[in-house]
Amino acid sequence: MACTYCGVNLTIPTAMRREAVPGKMPGKTQAGSGPKMEASEILRTAQPIAIRAWNLYALWTRIRWLIPTCLTILVIGIIFCALAGLLPILLNSLR
């Protein structure tokens, strides 16, 4: 079977194949059933969603190292602030 969008030849696994229904033509609308989208239209409408998903994944791969680094710096900063706050108390107790 050839893809109507890009022309690539596809092999459909036997488990996914269906028998042709007599009187029904693929891609044709029947009276009262409403308009049907062709595969090329479906792919065209899904393309922006796929592009956004890919861009989010690419962003995540660039910044995934940043989150543990930021958390480490935050914990070290909290410890440093706690020690700096305790320093005057310790110095006053030594006098």
Protein backbone atom coordinates (compact mmCIF):
# COMPACT_ATOMS: atom_id res chain seq x y z
CA MET A 1 0.00 0.00 0.00
CA ALA A 2 1.32 3.47 -0.83
CA CYS A 3 0.98 6.43 1.57
CA THR A 4 -1.23 9.13 0.03
CA TYR A 5 0.74 11.86 1.81
CA CYS A 6 4.38 11.07 1.02
CA GLY A 7 4.20 8.14 -1.42
CA VAL A 8 6.19 5.69 0.72
CA ASN A 9 5.28 2.04 0.22
CA LEU A 10 3.91 0.55 3.44
CA THR A 11 3.46 -3.07 4.42
CA ILE A 12 0.50 -3.61 6.69
CA PRO A 13 0.91 -6.53 9.12
CA THR A 14 -1.60 -9.31 8.62
CA ALA A 15 -3.03 -8.81 12.11
CA MET A 16 -4.03 -5.25 11.19
CA ARG A 17 -5.51 -6.02 7.77
CA ARG A 18 -9.25 -5.93 7.25
CA GLU A 19 -11.46 -7.39 4.61
CA ALA A 20 -12.89 -4.95 2.09
CA VAL A 21 -16.54 -4.13 2.69
CA PRO A 22 -18.58 -4.43 -0.52
CA GLY A 23 -20.00 -1.12 -1.68
CA LYS A 24 -17.63 0.99 0.42
CA MET A 25 -14.77 2.82 -1.18
CA PRO A 26 -11.94 4.01 1.07
CA GLY A 27 -11.83 7.79 1.40
CA LYS A 28 -15.32 8.29 -0.04
CA THR A 29 -18.09 9.75 2.07
CA GLN A 30 -21.46 8.13 2.34
CA ALA A 31 -24.70 10.05 2.38
CA GLY A 32 -25.40 11.38 5.87
CA SER A 33 -22.12 10.20 7.40
CA GLY A 34 -20.43 13.61 7.26
CA PRO A 35 -17.05 14.52 5.82
CA LYS A 36 -14.08 12.23 6.43
CA MET A 37 -10.48 13.36 6.56
CA GLU A 38 -7.92 11.71 4.35
CA ALA A 39 -4.63 10.49 5.76
CA SER A 40 -2.76 13.42 4.25
CA GLU A 41 -5.08 15.88 6.01
CA ILE A 42 -4.72 14.04 9.32
CA LEU A 43 -0.94 14.08 9.03
CA ARG A 44 -0.97 17.77 8.10
CA THR A 45 -3.05 18.64 11.17
CA ALA A 46 -0.94 16.45 13.47
CA GLN A 47 2.37 17.85 12.23
CA PRO A 48 2.38 21.03 14.39
CA ILE A 49 1.67 18.93 17.49
CA ALA A 50 4.54 16.59 16.66
CA ILE A 51 6.89 19.53 16.02
CA ARG A 52 5.99 21.10 19.39
CA ALA A 53 6.52 17.76 21.15
CA TRP A 54 9.91 17.35 19.49
CA ASN A 55 10.94 20.90 20.43
CA LEU A 56 9.94 20.32 24.07
CA TYR A 57 11.96 17.09 24.11
CA ALA A 58 14.97 18.87 22.62
CA LEU A 59 14.65 21.62 25.26
CA TRP A 60 14.44 19.02 28.02
CA THR A 61 17.60 17.27 26.80
CA ARG A 62 19.43 20.60 26.90
CA ILE A 63 18.33 21.65 30.39
CA ARG A 64 17.95 18.32 32.22
CA TRP A 65 21.37 18.72 33.84
CA LEU A 66 20.37 22.15 35.13
CA ILE A 67 17.71 21.00 37.59
CA PRO A 68 19.98 18.88 39.84
CA THR A 69 22.62 21.60 39.67
CA CYS A 70 20.14 24.27 40.76
CA LEU A 71 18.87 22.09 43.60
CA THR A 72 22.44 21.47 44.81
CA ILE A 73 23.23 25.19 44.75
CA LEU A 74 19.98 25.90 46.62
CA VAL A 75 20.79 23.38 49.37
CA ILE A 76 24.34 24.72 49.73
CA GLY A 77 22.95 28.27 49.88
CA ILE A 78 20.49 27.34 52.62
CA ILE A 79 23.25 25.68 54.64
CA PHE A 80 25.50 28.71 54.14
CA CYS A 81 22.75 31.13 55.24
CA ALA A 82 22.00 29.00 58.31
CA LEU A 83 25.69 28.97 59.27
CA ALA A 84 26.00 32.70 58.64
CA GLY A 85 22.98 33.28 60.89
CA LEU A 86 24.45 31.13 63.64
CA LEU A 87 27.88 32.76 63.44
CA PRO A 88 26.98 35.90 65.48
CA ILE A 89 25.31 33.72 68.12
CA LEU A 90 28.42 31.55 68.40
CA LEU A 91 30.72 34.58 68.59
CA ASN A 92 28.59 36.20 71.36
CA SER A 93 28.61 32.98 73.38
CA LEU A 94 32.42 32.81 73.25
CA ARG A 95 32.85 36.29 74.82
